[in-house]
Amino acid sequence: MFVHLTLVPTITAAGEAKTKPTQHSVKELLGLGIQPDILVCRVSQPMTKEMKNKLSLFVNVKEENVISASDISTSIYEIPKMYKEEKLDEVVLKTMGMELRESNFSEWDKMVKGLLTTKQTVQIAVVGKYISLQDAYRSIYESLSHGGIAHDTKVEFIKVDPENLNKDSYVEILKKYTVF
């Protein structure tokens, strides 16, 4: 099974999503002997039935196999539910000849709701040699954030460059933040 994740850009001035880049990328894949079974289309707004139909016709993918992956404004943890609403699970299982079972999102929904409506906030100052790099210490941030979800707490991180620390600023940070 081939799943092709593709960007369908929206031209702001025209207010219109452009499918031509996706058509071109599928053509390139066909040139390599790959026919996508499923198109997952990254879009800024959910795709209309007409857009899905157009792509389906031009790239030879069943219309129900054209999946809209629109931008999420609140939390990445809402993405699995969005894919469920787009029936991606059904399409994948059907394509693979597998049986579809009923899914239960109740625990997931509870976790997402808790994430979006936390009752308290904790600030954690993180000091690290590579603090200026965007993905440095990512696993620490994610694990502490997930721990916060379990305790109905939003975790905010304050990045501290050790080069900027001295005895006075160190003491000030210790007083200011919950965890250092």
C-alpha atoms as a PDB file:
ATOM      1  CA  MET A   1       0.000   0.000   0.000  1.00  0.00           C
ATOM      2  CA  PHE A   2       1.299   3.448  -0.936  1.00  0.00           C
ATOM      3  CA  VAL A   3       0.170   6.520   1.009  1.00  0.00           C
ATOM      4  CA  HIS A   4       1.233   9.833  -0.493  1.00  0.00           C
ATOM      5  CA  LEU A   5       1.320  12.815   1.882  1.00  0.00           C
ATOM      6  CA  THR A   6       1.156  15.970  -0.185  1.00  0.00           C
ATOM      7  CA  LEU A   7       0.720  19.702   0.285  1.00  0.00           C
ATOM      8  CA  VAL A   8      -2.217  21.380  -1.423  1.00  0.00           C
ATOM      9  CA  PRO A   9      -1.252  25.054  -1.077  1.00  0.00           C
ATOM     10  CA  THR A  10      -3.814  27.825  -0.842  1.00  0.00           C
ATOM     11  CA  ILE A  11      -3.037  30.996  -2.736  1.00  0.00           C
ATOM     12  CA  THR A  12      -4.188  33.709  -0.341  1.00  0.00           C
ATOM     13  CA  ALA A  13      -4.861  36.350  -2.997  1.00  0.00           C
ATOM     14  CA  ALA A  14      -7.080  33.971  -4.966  1.00  0.00           C
ATOM     15  CA  GLY A  15      -8.459  32.243  -1.874  1.00  0.00           C
ATOM     16  CA  GLU A  16      -8.190  28.983  -3.753  1.00  0.00           C
ATOM     17  CA  ALA A  17      -6.424  25.697  -3.090  1.00  0.00           C
ATOM     18  CA  LYS A  18      -4.118  24.584  -5.903  1.00  0.00           C
ATOM     19  CA  THR A  19      -4.122  20.887  -6.774  1.00  0.00           C
ATOM     20  CA  LYS A  20      -1.600  21.118  -9.611  1.00  0.00           C
ATOM     21  CA  PRO A  21       1.486  20.517  -7.383  1.00  0.00           C
ATOM     22  CA  THR A  22      -0.147  17.332  -6.068  1.00  0.00           C
ATOM     23  CA  GLN A  23      -1.000  16.207  -9.588  1.00  0.00           C
ATOM     24  CA  HIS A  24       2.619  16.795 -10.566  1.00  0.00           C
ATOM     25  CA  SER A  25       4.039  14.892  -7.574  1.00  0.00           C
ATOM     26  CA  VAL A  26       1.790  11.905  -8.324  1.00  0.00           C
ATOM     27  CA  LYS A  27       2.965  12.012 -11.946  1.00  0.00           C
ATOM     28  CA  GLU A  28       6.569  11.871 -10.695  1.00  0.00           C
ATOM     29  CA  LEU A  29       5.723   8.890  -8.484  1.00  0.00           C
ATOM     30  CA  LEU A  30       4.086   7.140 -11.431  1.00  0.00           C
ATOM     31  CA  GLY A  31       7.332   7.672 -13.338  1.00  0.00           C
ATOM     32  CA  LEU A  32       9.043   5.676 -10.583  1.00  0.00           C
ATOM     33  CA  GLY A  33       6.448   2.923 -10.802  1.00  0.00           C
ATOM     34  CA  ILE A  34       4.517   3.977  -7.694  1.00  0.00           C
ATOM     35  CA  GLN A  35       0.740   4.446  -7.863  1.00  0.00           C
ATOM     36  CA  PRO A  36      -0.543   5.906  -4.585  1.00  0.00           C
ATOM     37  CA  ASP A  37      -3.483   4.067  -3.057  1.00  0.00           C
ATOM     38  CA  ILE A  38      -4.254   6.907  -0.654  1.00  0.00           C
ATOM     39  CA  LEU A  39      -3.631  10.663  -0.857  1.00  0.00           C
ATOM     40  CA  VAL A  40      -3.339  12.524   2.440  1.00  0.00           C
ATOM     41  CA  CYS A  41      -3.582  16.188   1.502  1.00  0.00           C
ATOM     42  CA  ARG A  42      -2.192  18.858   3.821  1.00  0.00           C
ATOM     43  CA  VAL A  43      -4.502  21.836   3.454  1.00  0.00           C
ATOM     44  CA  SER A  44      -5.150  25.022   5.403  1.00  0.00           C
ATOM     45  CA  GLN A  45      -8.936  24.486   5.251  1.00  0.00           C
ATOM     46  CA  PRO A  46     -10.860  21.189   4.981  1.00  0.00           C
ATOM     47  CA  MET A  47     -11.182  19.968   1.402  1.00  0.00           C
ATOM     48  CA  THR A  48     -14.523  20.212  -0.345  1.00  0.00           C
ATOM     49  CA  LYS A  49     -16.109  17.237  -2.081  1.00  0.00           C
ATOM     50  CA  GLU A  50     -15.382  18.978  -5.402  1.00  0.00           C
ATOM     51  CA  MET A  51     -11.657  19.255  -4.588  1.00  0.00           C
ATOM     52  CA  LYS A  52     -11.498  15.585  -3.624  1.00  0.00           C
ATOM     53  CA  ASN A  53     -13.357  14.636  -6.796  1.00  0.00           C
ATOM     54  CA  LYS A  54     -10.999  16.719  -8.961  1.00  0.00           C
ATOM     55  CA  LEU A  55      -7.889  15.163  -7.425  1.00  0.00           C
ATOM     56  CA  SER A  56      -9.410  11.707  -7.662  1.00  0.00           C
ATOM     57  CA  LEU A  57     -10.007  12.123 -11.390  1.00  0.00           C
ATOM     58  CA  PHE A  58      -6.596  13.586 -12.191  1.00  0.00           C
ATOM     59  CA  VAL A  59      -4.432  11.229 -10.126  1.00  0.00           C
ATOM     60  CA  ASN A  60      -6.415   7.987 -10.450  1.00  0.00           C
ATOM     61  CA  VAL A  61      -7.089   7.525  -6.729  1.00  0.00           C
ATOM     62  CA  LYS A  62     -10.569   6.639  -5.448  1.00  0.00           C
ATOM     63  CA  GLU A  63     -12.373   9.714  -4.144  1.00  0.00           C
ATOM     64  CA  GLU A  64     -12.887   8.122  -0.700  1.00  0.00           C
ATOM     65  CA  ASN A  65      -9.096   7.587  -0.595  1.00  0.00           C
ATOM     66  CA  VAL A  66      -8.416  11.328  -0.847  1.00  0.00           C
ATOM     67  CA  ILE A  67      -8.034  12.416   2.780  1.00  0.00           C
ATOM     68  CA  SER A  68      -8.110  16.006   3.982  1.00  0.00           C
ATOM     69  CA  ALA A  69      -5.462  16.785   6.610  1.00  0.00           C
ATOM     70  CA  SER A  70      -6.365  20.347   7.486  1.00  0.00           C
ATOM     71  CA  ASP A  71      -4.477  22.590   9.878  1.00  0.00           C
ATOM     72  CA  ILE A  72      -5.318  22.179  13.555  1.00  0.00           C
ATOM     73  CA  SER A  73      -5.562  25.374  15.572  1.00  0.00           C
ATOM     74  CA  THR A  74      -5.454  23.964  19.088  1.00  0.00           C
ATOM     75  CA  SER A  75      -3.508  20.737  19.632  1.00  0.00           C
ATOM     76  CA  ILE A  76      -1.778  18.061  17.585  1.00  0.00           C
ATOM     77  CA  TYR A  77      -3.585  15.541  19.781  1.00  0.00           C
ATOM     78  CA  GLU A  78      -6.777  16.327  17.862  1.00  0.00           C
ATOM     79  CA  ILE A  79      -5.278  14.930  14.643  1.00  0.00           C
ATOM     80  CA  PRO A  80      -6.175  11.240  15.236  1.00  0.00           C
ATOM     81  CA  LYS A  81      -9.834  12.236  15.677  1.00  0.00           C
ATOM     82  CA  MET A  82      -9.689  14.331  12.503  1.00  0.00           C
ATOM     83  CA  TYR A  83      -8.302  11.339  10.572  1.00  0.00           C
ATOM     84  CA  LYS A  84     -11.087   9.186  12.030  1.00  0.00           C
ATOM     85  CA  GLU A  85     -13.675  11.715  10.808  1.00  0.00           C
ATOM     86  CA  GLU A  86     -12.060  11.571   7.359  1.00  0.00           C
ATOM     87  CA  LYS A  87     -12.321   7.749   7.569  1.00  0.00           C
ATOM     88  CA  LEU A  88      -8.593   7.214   7.059  1.00  0.00           C
ATOM     89  CA  ASP A  89      -8.726   4.168   9.329  1.00  0.00           C
ATOM     90  CA  GLU A  90     -11.454   2.570   7.193  1.00  0.00           C
ATOM     91  CA  VAL A  91      -9.612   3.330   3.955  1.00  0.00           C
ATOM     92  CA  VAL A  92      -6.327   1.845   5.223  1.00  0.00           C
ATOM     93  CA  LEU A  93      -7.955  -1.307   6.581  1.00  0.00           C
ATOM     94  CA  LYS A  94     -10.053  -1.780   3.430  1.00  0.00           C
ATOM     95  CA  THR A  95      -6.992  -1.293   1.207  1.00  0.00           C
ATOM     96  CA  MET A  96      -5.094  -3.879   3.238  1.00  0.00           C
ATOM     97  CA  GLY A  97      -8.036  -6.294   3.252  1.00  0.00           C
ATOM     98  CA  MET A  98      -8.424  -6.129   7.026  1.00  0.00           C
ATOM     99  CA  GLU A  99     -11.554  -6.059   9.156  1.00  0.00           C
ATOM    100  CA  LEU A 100     -12.694  -2.759  10.646  1.00  0.00           C
ATOM    101  CA  ARG A 101     -13.397  -2.799  14.374  1.00  0.00           C
ATOM    102  CA  GLU A 102     -15.263  -0.205  16.372  1.00  0.00           C
ATOM    103  CA  SER A 103     -12.952   2.428  17.816  1.00  0.00           C
ATOM    104  CA  ASN A 104     -13.375   4.056  21.204  1.00  0.00           C
ATOM    105  CA  PHE A 105     -12.067   7.583  21.599  1.00  0.00           C
ATOM    106  CA  SER A 106     -13.539   8.260  25.059  1.00  0.00           C
ATOM    107  CA  GLU A 107     -10.206   8.125  26.940  1.00  0.00           C
ATOM    108  CA  TRP A 108      -8.472  10.042  24.157  1.00  0.00           C
ATOM    109  CA  ASP A 109     -11.179  12.730  24.161  1.00  0.00           C
ATOM    110  CA  LYS A 110     -10.864  13.038  27.938  1.00  0.00           C
ATOM    111  CA  MET A 111      -7.094  13.485  27.627  1.00  0.00           C
ATOM    112  CA  VAL A 112      -7.433  16.140  24.879  1.00  0.00           C
ATOM    113  CA  LYS A 113     -10.089  18.002  26.868  1.00  0.00           C
ATOM    114  CA  GLY A 114      -7.829  17.929  29.919  1.00  0.00           C
ATOM    115  CA  LEU A 115      -4.973  19.250  27.834  1.00  0.00           C
ATOM    116  CA  LEU A 116      -7.027  22.177  26.569  1.00  0.00           C
ATOM    117  CA  THR A 117      -8.679  23.058  29.898  1.00  0.00           C
ATOM    118  CA  THR A 118      -5.970  22.700  32.536  1.00  0.00           C
ATOM    119  CA  LYS A 119      -6.672  24.119  35.983  1.00  0.00           C
ATOM    120  CA  GLN A 120      -3.158  25.171  36.894  1.00  0.00           C
ATOM    121  CA  THR A 121       0.151  26.118  35.334  1.00  0.00           C
ATOM    122  CA  VAL A 122       3.673  25.303  36.379  1.00  0.00           C
ATOM    123  CA  GLN A 123       6.744  27.070  34.993  1.00  0.00           C
ATOM    124  CA  ILE A 124       9.923  25.104  34.531  1.00  0.00           C
ATOM    125  CA  ALA A 125      13.226  26.785  33.729  1.00  0.00           C
ATOM    126  CA  VAL A 126      15.409  24.581  31.536  1.00  0.00           C
ATOM    127  CA  VAL A 127      19.138  25.284  31.407  1.00  0.00           C
ATOM    128  CA  GLY A 128      21.151  23.596  28.706  1.00  0.00           C
ATOM    129  CA  LYS A 129      24.183  24.077  26.543  1.00  0.00           C
ATOM    130  CA  TYR A 130      22.136  23.671  23.335  1.00  0.00           C
ATOM    131  CA  ILE A 131      19.051  25.578  24.507  1.00  0.00           C
ATOM    132  CA  SER A 132      19.084  27.839  21.437  1.00  0.00           C
ATOM    133  CA  LEU A 133      18.494  24.883  19.097  1.00  0.00           C
ATOM    134  CA  GLN A 134      14.786  24.404  18.454  1.00  0.00           C
ATOM    135  CA  ASP A 135      14.638  20.624  18.924  1.00  0.00           C
ATOM    136  CA  ALA A 136      17.246  20.365  21.665  1.00  0.00           C
ATOM    137  CA  TYR A 137      15.735  18.765  24.761  1.00  0.00           C
ATOM    138  CA  ARG A 138      12.482  18.035  22.872  1.00  0.00           C
ATOM    139  CA  SER A 139      12.030  14.693  24.654  1.00  0.00           C
ATOM    140  CA  ILE A 140      12.279  16.441  28.027  1.00  0.00           C
ATOM    141  CA  TYR A 141       9.644  19.006  27.041  1.00  0.00           C
ATOM    142  CA  GLU A 142       7.289  16.362  25.688  1.00  0.00           C
ATOM    143  CA  SER A 143       7.618  14.003  28.645  1.00  0.00           C
ATOM    144  CA  LEU A 144       7.055  16.786  31.189  1.00  0.00           C
ATOM    145  CA  SER A 145       4.100  18.123  29.176  1.00  0.00           C
ATOM    146  CA  HIS A 146       2.537  14.654  29.121  1.00  0.00           C
ATOM    147  CA  GLY A 147       3.088  14.361  32.854  1.00  0.00           C
ATOM    148  CA  GLY A 148       1.314  17.682  33.230  1.00  0.00           C
ATOM    149  CA  ILE A 149      -1.698  16.380  31.284  1.00  0.00           C
ATOM    150  CA  ALA A 150      -2.049  13.520  33.755  1.00  0.00           C
ATOM    151  CA  HIS A 151      -2.110  16.066  36.600  1.00  0.00           C
ATOM    152  CA  ASP A 152      -4.405  18.635  34.948  1.00  0.00           C
ATOM    153  CA  THR A 153      -1.486  21.056  34.730  1.00  0.00           C
ATOM    154  CA  LYS A 154      -0.144  23.089  31.850  1.00  0.00           C
ATOM    155  CA  VAL A 155       3.643  23.079  31.743  1.00  0.00           C
ATOM    156  CA  GLU A 156       5.395  26.222  30.492  1.00  0.00           C
ATOM    157  CA  PHE A 157       9.090  26.112  29.716  1.00  0.00           C
ATOM    158  CA  ILE A 158      11.488  28.997  30.103  1.00  0.00           C
ATOM    159  CA  LYS A 159      14.717  28.382  28.227  1.00  0.00           C
ATOM    160  CA  VAL A 160      17.820  29.663  29.999  1.00  0.00           C
ATOM    161  CA  ASP A 161      21.187  29.910  28.293  1.00  0.00           C
ATOM    162  CA  PRO A 162      23.892  28.924  30.821  1.00  0.00           C
ATOM    163  CA  GLU A 163      26.213  31.516  29.272  1.00  0.00           C
ATOM    164  CA  ASN A 164      23.896  34.209  30.660  1.00  0.00           C
ATOM    165  CA  LEU A 165      23.881  32.837  34.208  1.00  0.00           C
ATOM    166  CA  ASN A 166      25.820  34.287  37.102  1.00  0.00           C
ATOM    167  CA  LYS A 167      25.370  33.905  40.855  1.00  0.00           C
ATOM    168  CA  ASP A 168      22.753  36.671  41.083  1.00  0.00           C
ATOM    169  CA  SER A 169      20.682  35.585  38.078  1.00  0.00           C
ATOM    170  CA  TYR A 170      20.847  31.970  39.250  1.00  0.00           C
ATOM    171  CA  VAL A 171      19.353  32.907  42.640  1.00  0.00           C
ATOM    172  CA  GLU A 172      16.721  35.065  40.925  1.00  0.00           C
ATOM    173  CA  ILE A 173      15.677  32.179  38.661  1.00  0.00           C
ATOM    174  CA  LEU A 174      15.449  29.820  41.644  1.00  0.00           C
ATOM    175  CA  LYS A 175      13.036  32.240  43.334  1.00  0.00           C
ATOM    176  CA  LYS A 176      10.986  32.926  40.214  1.00  0.00           C
ATOM    177  CA  TYR A 177      10.231  29.472  38.781  1.00  0.00           C
ATOM    178  CA  THR A 178       8.571  26.407  40.216  1.00  0.00           C
ATOM    179  CA  VAL A 179      11.257  24.048  38.963  1.00  0.00           C
ATOM    180  CA  PHE A 180      14.789  24.702  37.743  1.00  0.00           C
END
